[in-house]
């Protein structure tokens, strides 16, 4: 059934970051937006439209551009170790003991956590991809799944790449209710794969128009051999053809001016993960330079082992703070900028035009913000800049009340409605006991 929402304030996440007052959002029976604008200009409706009056603010669902959400099962381990030692000595050995159902349990709880935070889309890189898809569909999330592959004993990267292609050929690049699932390629990084694997990935993904999701220049010491041989990891990706297709670069911390130029010319999207970068002391990404080069930049939480939560509002706050510190400029990244990075900017980084903004034709992925709290004590009748500041600096995930994906309610009054959160937490606890 078609739906109409009457809302005091709508933030559609258009390029101007408009603040619409006394607004209406219409959703068709297919789960796509048909109108977003002033109530006074809204089209007339028929009797077959369900009308709802929402107090507060309606925004697009947030877009998490880089996550390993099944790692909720590993949350808290190795947090005080250096990045490479943490991976090699703690994370990878523990992951080797995980079974498919463990990854599913981790992904389901990760989806629940993100939905309750108003994050409706996440770009996931992990193994056991079929189980990730099952969990996302159960929770009602929208997910871009990149089955991860790496050059390690027992893992045949060539077969992994070919399997992704067969899956896309069988089910399509996007599938599921409301096109909730998009399949991608997930080469872990240049330093964990031979150059030939990057060549094959470029060829296979380009032929299918698929996104390639890869870690890029995260730490200063991870890709020394690649930099020595090719000048930089980005130059290596250019040589292998990966810059010619759809590419999502996670982290992108240690970049030269030439690297940034190559990324800009190729249209590569960047997933900026300030929380993970800070916790792991990986460095401070050149966010100002990336944005100045018109590179599409979204926000990412990384995995729950790297940043411990899946709260994209927190990443937005960290992005603002770190950008201001690095530039010694309190206007380096504003609340408006951060809001757009968490929504439309994230969609652009993923190469998606059907999510991240409330506009006709887009999926009705929406987040309802409750303003009955101390962070909105001044109410909604304030200047637009103050309203955005209160949302991004003070309220964040604490104020999320209701969430829809493709027009379907997935969170009501702060709780998931498609899955039992308590049961999911218990299932994860059991899985955690088995693998540690």
Protein backbone atom coordinates (compact mmCIF):
# COMPACT_ATOMS: atom_id res chain seq x y z
CA UNK A 1 0.00 0.00 0.00
CA UNK A 2 1.14 3.53 -0.72
CA UNK A 3 2.06 5.67 2.31
CA UNK A 4 2.15 9.37 3.14
CA UNK A 5 4.21 10.78 6.00
CA UNK A 6 3.54 14.25 7.42
CA UNK A 7 6.69 15.52 9.18
CA UNK A 8 7.60 18.88 10.78
CA UNK A 9 11.16 18.66 9.38
CA UNK A 10 12.58 16.59 6.53
CA UNK A 11 16.28 16.52 5.63
CA UNK A 12 16.30 15.10 2.09
CA UNK A 13 20.12 15.15 1.78
CA UNK A 14 20.06 17.07 -1.49
CA UNK A 15 23.29 18.84 -2.55
CA UNK A 16 22.25 22.02 -0.69
CA UNK A 17 21.39 20.05 2.46
CA UNK A 18 17.94 21.64 2.51
CA UNK A 19 15.83 21.73 5.64
CA UNK A 20 12.20 21.25 4.63
CA UNK A 21 9.62 22.54 7.11
CA UNK A 22 6.03 21.23 7.26
CA UNK A 23 6.86 18.56 4.73
CA UNK A 24 5.44 15.41 3.20
CA UNK A 25 7.12 12.24 1.97
CA UNK A 26 5.09 9.88 -0.21
CA UNK A 27 6.09 6.24 -0.71
CA UNK A 28 4.61 4.06 -3.44
CA UNK A 29 3.52 0.45 -2.96
CA UNK A 30 6.83 -0.66 -4.51
CA UNK A 31 8.80 0.95 -1.66
CA UNK A 32 10.14 3.88 -3.66
CA UNK A 33 9.64 7.58 -2.92
CA UNK A 34 7.17 9.35 -5.17
CA UNK A 35 7.21 12.81 -3.58
CA UNK A 36 9.31 14.71 -1.05
CA UNK A 37 8.57 18.37 -0.45
CA UNK A 38 6.32 20.94 1.10
CA UNK A 39 2.97 19.71 2.34
CA UNK A 40 1.30 22.65 0.60
CA UNK A 41 2.52 21.40 -2.77
CA UNK A 42 1.94 17.68 -2.22
CA UNK A 43 -0.20 15.87 -4.79
CA UNK A 44 -3.71 14.83 -3.84
CA UNK A 45 -4.06 11.31 -2.47
CA UNK A 46 -6.61 8.56 -2.83
CA UNK A 47 -8.32 6.43 -0.21
CA UNK A 48 -5.71 3.69 -0.73
CA UNK A 49 -2.94 5.67 0.95
CA UNK A 50 -1.98 5.07 4.59
CA UNK A 51 -1.24 8.39 6.28
CA UNK A 52 1.08 8.85 9.26
CA UNK A 53 1.97 11.93 11.26
CA UNK A 54 5.55 11.78 12.56
CA UNK A 55 6.80 14.25 15.16
CA UNK A 56 10.45 15.21 14.84
CA UNK A 57 12.79 14.85 11.88
CA UNK A 58 12.86 12.45 8.93
CA UNK A 59 16.19 11.76 7.21
CA UNK A 60 17.47 9.23 4.71
CA UNK A 61 18.80 6.03 6.21
CA UNK A 62 22.52 6.33 6.83
CA UNK A 63 25.01 4.55 4.54
CA UNK A 64 27.92 2.68 6.14
CA UNK A 65 30.51 2.42 3.36
CA UNK A 66 32.91 -0.03 5.02
CA UNK A 67 32.09 -2.71 7.57
CA UNK A 68 32.86 -6.26 8.63
CA UNK A 69 29.70 -6.62 10.68
CA UNK A 70 29.96 -10.39 11.37
CA UNK A 71 32.94 -9.46 13.55
CA UNK A 72 30.49 -8.54 16.31
CA UNK A 73 31.38 -12.09 17.39
CA UNK A 74 35.00 -10.94 17.93
CA UNK A 75 34.25 -7.63 19.58
CA UNK A 76 36.74 -6.70 22.27
CA UNK A 77 39.62 -9.04 21.38
CA UNK A 78 43.11 -7.76 20.64
CA UNK A 79 42.09 -4.16 21.06
CA UNK A 80 45.38 -3.07 22.59
CA UNK A 81 47.68 -4.75 20.06
CA UNK A 82 49.34 -3.15 17.03
CA UNK A 83 47.27 -3.49 13.88
CA UNK A 84 49.26 -6.19 12.07
CA UNK A 85 49.93 -8.22 15.22
CA UNK A 86 46.25 -8.03 16.08
CA UNK A 87 45.29 -9.44 12.69
CA UNK A 88 47.92 -12.16 12.45
CA UNK A 89 48.00 -13.34 16.06
CA UNK A 90 44.42 -12.84 17.25
CA UNK A 91 41.80 -12.08 14.62
CA UNK A 92 42.77 -14.39 11.75
CA UNK A 93 43.37 -17.46 13.97
CA UNK A 94 40.02 -16.90 15.71
CA UNK A 95 38.22 -16.39 12.42
CA UNK A 96 39.65 -19.69 11.20
CA UNK A 97 37.58 -21.40 13.89
CA UNK A 98 34.37 -19.69 12.78
CA UNK A 99 31.73 -21.66 10.97
CA UNK A 100 29.21 -20.31 8.52
CA UNK A 101 26.46 -20.20 11.15
CA UNK A 102 28.75 -18.19 13.45
CA UNK A 103 29.24 -15.56 10.74
CA UNK A 104 25.48 -15.51 10.22
CA UNK A 105 24.87 -14.90 13.92
CA UNK A 106 27.43 -12.10 13.91
CA UNK A 107 25.95 -10.50 10.82
CA UNK A 108 22.40 -10.66 12.15
CA UNK A 109 23.34 -8.87 15.35
CA UNK A 110 25.37 -6.37 13.34
CA UNK A 111 22.33 -5.60 11.17
CA UNK A 112 20.20 -5.18 14.27
CA UNK A 113 22.72 -2.80 15.79
CA UNK A 114 22.98 -0.69 12.65
CA UNK A 115 19.24 -0.53 12.03
CA UNK A 116 18.64 0.67 15.58
CA UNK A 117 21.19 3.42 14.84
CA UNK A 118 19.39 4.40 11.64
CA UNK A 119 21.98 2.80 9.35
CA UNK A 120 19.97 1.17 6.58
CA UNK A 121 22.79 0.30 4.15
CA UNK A 122 26.21 -1.23 4.78
CA UNK A 123 29.02 -2.28 2.46
CA UNK A 124 30.28 -5.54 3.91
CA UNK A 125 33.51 -7.41 3.22
CA UNK A 126 33.68 -10.86 4.77
CA UNK A 127 33.70 -14.60 4.19
CA UNK A 128 30.59 -16.84 4.38
CA UNK A 129 28.83 -14.38 2.10
CA UNK A 130 25.71 -16.49 1.56
CA UNK A 131 25.06 -16.51 5.30
CA UNK A 132 25.59 -12.72 5.40
CA UNK A 133 22.91 -12.32 2.76
CA UNK A 134 20.51 -14.56 4.69
CA UNK A 135 21.02 -12.53 7.86
CA UNK A 136 20.58 -9.18 6.10
CA UNK A 137 17.35 -10.31 4.46
CA UNK A 138 16.05 -11.60 7.78
CA UNK A 139 16.74 -8.29 9.50
CA UNK A 140 15.51 -6.23 6.54
CA UNK A 141 18.79 -4.39 5.96
CA UNK A 142 20.22 -3.23 2.65
CA UNK A 143 23.70 -4.69 2.12
CA UNK A 144 26.43 -4.60 -0.51
CA UNK A 145 28.19 -7.92 0.05
CA UNK A 146 31.79 -8.36 -1.08
CA UNK A 147 32.94 -11.94 -0.40
CA UNK A 148 36.47 -11.49 0.92
CA UNK A 149 39.44 -13.34 -0.54
CA UNK A 150 43.08 -13.36 0.48
CA UNK A 151 46.22 -15.31 -0.42
CA UNK A 152 46.55 -17.72 2.49
CA UNK A 153 46.97 -21.48 2.81
CA UNK A 154 43.66 -23.20 2.19
CA UNK A 155 42.18 -20.28 0.22
CA UNK A 156 42.14 -20.43 -3.59
CA UNK A 157 41.69 -16.80 -4.57
CA UNK A 158 41.08 -17.65 -8.22
CA UNK A 159 38.20 -19.97 -7.37
CA UNK A 160 36.81 -17.37 -4.97
CA UNK A 161 36.77 -14.73 -7.71
CA UNK A 162 35.13 -17.10 -10.19
CA UNK A 163 32.49 -18.06 -7.61
CA UNK A 164 31.47 -14.44 -7.19
CA UNK A 165 31.00 -14.13 -10.94
CA UNK A 166 28.87 -17.26 -11.06
CA UNK A 167 26.72 -15.94 -8.23
CA UNK A 168 26.16 -12.62 -9.99
CA UNK A 169 25.36 -14.41 -13.24
CA UNK A 170 22.83 -16.61 -11.45
CA UNK A 171 21.04 -14.12 -9.17
CA UNK A 172 21.87 -10.77 -10.74
CA UNK A 173 23.97 -7.90 -9.45
CA UNK A 174 21.08 -6.82 -7.20
CA UNK A 175 18.30 -8.99 -5.87
CA UNK A 176 15.95 -9.57 -2.96
CA UNK A 177 12.92 -7.57 -1.80
CA UNK A 178 13.52 -3.93 -2.60
CA UNK A 179 16.83 -4.87 -4.26
CA UNK A 180 18.24 -5.17 -0.76
CA UNK A 181 21.31 -7.16 -1.82
CA UNK A 182 24.09 -6.08 -4.17
CA UNK A 183 26.97 -8.45 -4.91
CA UNK A 184 30.51 -7.07 -5.12
CA UNK A 185 34.11 -8.32 -5.31
CA UNK A 186 36.16 -8.26 -2.10
CA UNK A 187 39.93 -8.48 -2.63
CA UNK A 188 41.16 -7.81 0.90
CA UNK A 189 44.09 -5.60 -0.12
CA UNK A 190 47.06 -5.33 -2.47
CA UNK A 191 49.47 -6.63 0.16
CA UNK A 192 47.50 -9.83 0.86
CA UNK A 193 47.06 -10.86 -2.79
CA UNK A 194 49.33 -11.41 -5.79
CA UNK A 195 49.19 -8.87 -8.59
CA UNK A 196 47.53 -11.44 -10.84
CA UNK A 197 44.56 -11.62 -8.44
CA UNK A 198 44.03 -7.88 -8.87
CA UNK A 199 44.17 -8.25 -12.66
CA UNK A 200 41.59 -11.04 -12.61
CA UNK A 201 39.36 -9.07 -10.23
CA UNK A 202 39.45 -6.06 -12.56
CA UNK A 203 38.50 -8.15 -15.57
CA UNK A 204 35.74 -10.10 -13.84
CA UNK A 205 34.15 -7.10 -12.13
CA UNK A 206 34.27 -4.81 -15.17
CA UNK A 207 32.45 -7.36 -17.28
CA UNK A 208 29.57 -7.37 -14.81
CA UNK A 209 29.53 -3.72 -13.73
CA UNK A 210 30.24 -4.83 -10.16
CA UNK A 211 31.77 -2.79 -7.37
CA UNK A 212 35.20 -3.79 -6.07
CA UNK A 213 35.62 -3.18 -2.33
CA UNK A 214 39.27 -3.14 -1.18
CA UNK A 215 41.36 -1.93 1.77
CA UNK A 216 43.71 0.76 0.52
CA UNK A 217 46.74 2.41 2.15
CA UNK A 218 45.37 1.90 5.66
CA UNK A 219 48.68 1.75 7.57
CA UNK A 220 52.11 3.08 6.72
CA UNK A 221 53.88 -0.30 6.84
CA UNK A 222 51.36 -2.68 5.27
CA UNK A 223 52.28 -2.38 1.59
CA UNK A 224 56.00 -1.60 1.54
CA UNK A 225 56.75 -4.16 -1.17
CA UNK A 226 53.99 -2.86 -3.41
CA UNK A 227 55.14 0.73 -3.00
CA UNK A 228 58.74 -0.23 -3.65
CA UNK A 229 57.86 -1.99 -6.89
CA UNK A 230 55.06 0.20 -8.23
CA UNK A 231 55.52 3.62 -6.59
CA UNK A 232 52.29 3.37 -4.61
CA UNK A 233 49.39 1.01 -4.09
CA UNK A 234 47.20 3.30 -6.17
CA UNK A 235 49.64 3.09 -9.07
CA UNK A 236 49.49 -0.69 -8.73
CA UNK A 237 45.70 -0.60 -8.90
CA UNK A 238 45.97 1.56 -12.00
CA UNK A 239 48.29 -0.96 -13.67
CA UNK A 240 45.97 -3.85 -12.90
CA UNK A 241 42.93 -2.06 -14.32
CA UNK A 242 41.05 -1.69 -11.06
CA UNK A 243 40.85 2.09 -11.42
CA UNK A 244 38.91 1.68 -14.65
CA UNK A 245 35.86 0.12 -13.00
CA UNK A 246 33.69 0.76 -9.95
CA UNK A 247 36.06 0.89 -6.98
CA UNK A 248 35.53 1.54 -3.27
CA UNK A 249 38.73 2.26 -1.35
CA UNK A 250 38.45 1.69 2.39
CA UNK A 251 40.56 3.92 4.67
CA UNK A 252 42.83 5.61 2.06
CA UNK A 253 45.02 7.13 4.76
CA UNK A 254 48.54 7.24 3.34
CA UNK A 255 48.22 8.94 -0.04
CA UNK A 256 50.44 11.23 -2.07
CA UNK A 257 49.15 14.14 -4.12
CA UNK A 258 49.54 11.97 -7.21
CA UNK A 259 47.56 9.17 -5.57
CA UNK A 260 44.71 11.56 -4.87
CA UNK A 261 44.81 12.79 -8.47
CA UNK A 262 44.57 9.21 -9.77
CA UNK A 263 41.64 8.44 -7.48
CA UNK A 264 39.85 11.60 -8.57
CA UNK A 265 40.37 10.93 -12.26
CA UNK A 266 39.09 7.37 -11.92
CA UNK A 267 35.94 8.24 -9.97
CA UNK A 268 36.96 5.95 -7.11
CA UNK A 269 34.88 6.24 -3.95
CA UNK A 270 36.50 6.40 -0.52
CA UNK A 271 35.21 5.00 2.76
CA UNK A 272 36.53 7.28 5.50
CA UNK A 273 36.84 5.42 8.82
CA UNK A 274 38.06 7.95 11.41
CA UNK A 275 37.24 5.83 14.47
CA UNK A 276 39.11 2.77 13.29
CA UNK A 277 42.01 4.84 11.97
CA UNK A 278 42.37 6.51 15.35
CA UNK A 279 41.98 3.41 17.52
CA UNK A 280 44.57 1.49 15.50
CA UNK A 281 46.86 4.53 15.20
CA UNK A 282 46.77 4.01 11.44
CA UNK A 283 46.98 7.71 10.72
CA UNK A 284 44.70 10.58 9.78
CA UNK A 285 43.26 10.35 6.29
CA UNK A 286 43.64 13.46 4.07
CA UNK A 287 39.92 14.13 4.13
CA UNK A 288 40.19 17.78 3.13
CA UNK A 289 42.35 16.93 0.12
CA UNK A 290 40.03 14.09 -0.93
CA UNK A 291 36.94 16.29 -0.77
CA UNK A 292 38.73 19.19 -2.47
CA UNK A 293 39.53 16.83 -5.35
CA UNK A 294 35.78 16.04 -5.65
CA UNK A 295 36.35 12.40 -4.73
CA UNK A 296 33.09 10.89 -3.42
CA UNK A 297 33.70 10.20 0.26
CA UNK A 298 31.40 8.36 2.63
CA UNK A 299 31.79 7.25 6.22
CA UNK A 300 32.57 3.74 7.44
CA UNK A 301 32.65 2.12 10.83
CA UNK A 302 35.04 -0.69 9.85
CA UNK A 303 34.55 -3.88 11.86
CA UNK A 304 33.47 -4.08 15.51
CA UNK A 305 36.99 -5.24 16.39
CA UNK A 306 38.54 -2.10 14.90
CA UNK A 307 36.16 0.54 16.19
CA UNK A 308 33.99 -1.53 18.55
CA UNK A 309 30.61 -0.24 17.41
CA UNK A 310 28.63 0.25 14.20
CA UNK A 311 27.46 3.77 15.00
CA UNK A 312 27.86 5.97 11.92
CA UNK A 313 26.72 9.06 13.81
CA UNK A 314 29.80 8.69 15.99
CA UNK A 315 31.97 8.41 12.88
CA UNK A 316 30.45 11.66 11.63
CA UNK A 317 31.37 13.41 14.88
CA UNK A 318 34.91 12.02 14.76
CA UNK A 319 35.26 13.08 11.13
CA UNK A 320 34.31 16.63 12.06
CA UNK A 321 36.68 16.77 15.02
CA UNK A 322 39.70 15.21 13.30
CA UNK A 323 39.25 17.30 10.17
CA UNK A 324 39.13 20.48 12.23
CA UNK A 325 42.20 19.43 14.19
CA UNK A 326 44.21 18.48 11.12
CA UNK A 327 43.37 21.74 9.34
CA UNK A 328 43.39 23.97 12.45
CA UNK A 329 40.08 25.24 11.11
CA UNK A 330 36.74 25.01 12.97
CA UNK A 331 34.95 25.16 9.60
CA UNK A 332 36.96 22.40 7.91
CA UNK A 333 34.01 19.99 8.15
CA UNK A 334 30.63 21.34 9.19
CA UNK A 335 27.57 19.53 10.53
CA UNK A 336 26.02 19.91 7.07
CA UNK A 337 29.09 18.34 5.46
CA UNK A 338 29.10 15.43 7.90
CA UNK A 339 25.38 14.75 7.44
CA UNK A 340 25.81 14.56 3.68
CA UNK A 341 28.84 12.28 4.03
CA UNK A 342 26.75 9.90 6.14
CA UNK A 343 23.92 9.83 3.60
CA UNK A 344 24.21 10.98 -0.02
CA UNK A 345 28.01 11.02 0.09
CA UNK A 346 28.08 7.40 1.19
CA UNK A 347 25.75 6.44 -1.65
CA UNK A 348 27.98 8.27 -4.14
CA UNK A 349 31.08 6.50 -2.82
CA UNK A 350 29.31 3.19 -3.52
CA UNK A 351 28.28 4.33 -6.98
CA UNK A 352 24.60 4.22 -6.03
CA UNK A 353 22.01 6.80 -7.06
CA UNK A 354 18.95 5.05 -5.62
CA UNK A 355 19.73 5.44 -1.90
CA UNK A 356 21.16 8.06 0.47
CA UNK A 357 18.65 10.82 -0.33
CA UNK A 358 14.90 11.34 -0.09
CA UNK A 359 13.94 12.05 -3.69
CA UNK A 360 11.43 10.58 -6.14
CA UNK A 361 12.58 7.26 -7.54
CA UNK A 362 14.85 6.41 -4.63
CA UNK A 363 14.17 3.58 -2.24
CA UNK A 364 12.31 4.75 0.86
CA UNK A 365 15.13 4.00 3.30
CA UNK A 366 14.29 6.45 6.08
CA UNK A 367 15.19 7.27 9.66
CA UNK A 368 12.85 9.05 12.07
CA UNK A 369 14.57 11.19 14.72
CA UNK A 370 12.83 11.77 18.05
CA UNK A 371 13.31 15.33 19.27
CA UNK A 372 11.84 14.73 22.72
CA UNK A 373 15.19 14.83 24.49
CA UNK A 374 17.77 17.20 25.95
CA UNK A 375 19.68 17.41 22.65
CA UNK A 376 16.68 19.16 21.10
CA UNK A 377 15.63 21.14 24.18
CA UNK A 378 15.28 24.26 22.04
CA UNK A 379 12.80 22.44 19.80
CA UNK A 380 12.61 22.51 16.03
CA UNK A 381 11.81 26.20 15.69
CA UNK A 382 15.47 27.18 15.47
CA UNK A 383 17.75 28.21 12.63
CA UNK A 384 18.58 25.47 10.16
CA UNK A 385 22.25 25.52 11.14
CA UNK A 386 21.40 25.02 14.82
CA UNK A 387 19.02 22.19 14.02
CA UNK A 388 21.72 20.35 12.03
CA UNK A 389 24.27 21.01 14.74
CA UNK A 390 21.97 19.59 17.42
CA UNK A 391 21.38 16.52 15.26
CA UNK A 392 25.01 15.81 14.35
CA UNK A 393 26.85 16.92 17.48
CA UNK A 394 24.37 16.23 20.29
CA UNK A 395 21.69 13.74 19.29
CA UNK A 396 23.00 11.13 16.88
CA UNK A 397 22.01 7.50 17.29
CA UNK A 398 20.43 8.10 20.72
CA UNK A 399 17.56 9.91 19.04
CA UNK A 400 16.70 7.30 16.39
CA UNK A 401 13.14 6.10 16.91
CA UNK A 402 11.84 4.44 13.73
CA UNK A 403 13.48 3.11 10.59
CA UNK A 404 12.18 1.93 7.20
CA UNK A 405 13.94 0.08 4.38
CA UNK A 406 12.21 0.17 0.99
CA UNK A 407 9.17 1.57 2.79
CA UNK A 408 8.97 -1.35 5.20
CA UNK A 409 9.27 -0.71 8.95
CA UNK A 410 12.29 -2.47 10.43
CA UNK A 411 12.60 -0.48 13.68
CA UNK A 412 9.61 0.83 15.64
CA UNK A 413 10.02 2.81 18.87
CA UNK A 414 13.72 1.94 18.97
CA UNK A 415 13.36 -1.83 18.62
CA UNK A 416 13.69 -4.11 15.63
CA UNK A 417 10.39 -5.63 14.51
CA UNK A 418 11.47 -8.28 12.01
CA UNK A 419 13.90 -10.09 14.33
CA UNK A 420 14.14 -10.74 18.06
CA UNK A 421 17.13 -8.77 19.32
CA UNK A 422 17.42 -10.68 22.59
CA UNK A 423 17.41 -14.03 20.82
CA UNK A 424 20.05 -12.76 18.39
CA UNK A 425 22.24 -11.64 21.29
CA UNK A 426 21.94 -15.04 22.94
CA UNK A 427 22.80 -16.82 19.70
CA UNK A 428 25.89 -14.69 19.32
CA UNK A 429 26.95 -15.37 22.90
CA UNK A 430 26.75 -19.11 22.22
CA UNK A 431 28.80 -18.73 19.04
CA UNK A 432 31.41 -16.64 20.84
CA UNK A 433 31.88 -19.36 23.46
CA UNK A 434 32.55 -21.92 20.74
CA UNK A 435 35.26 -20.07 18.84
CA UNK A 436 37.33 -18.42 21.58
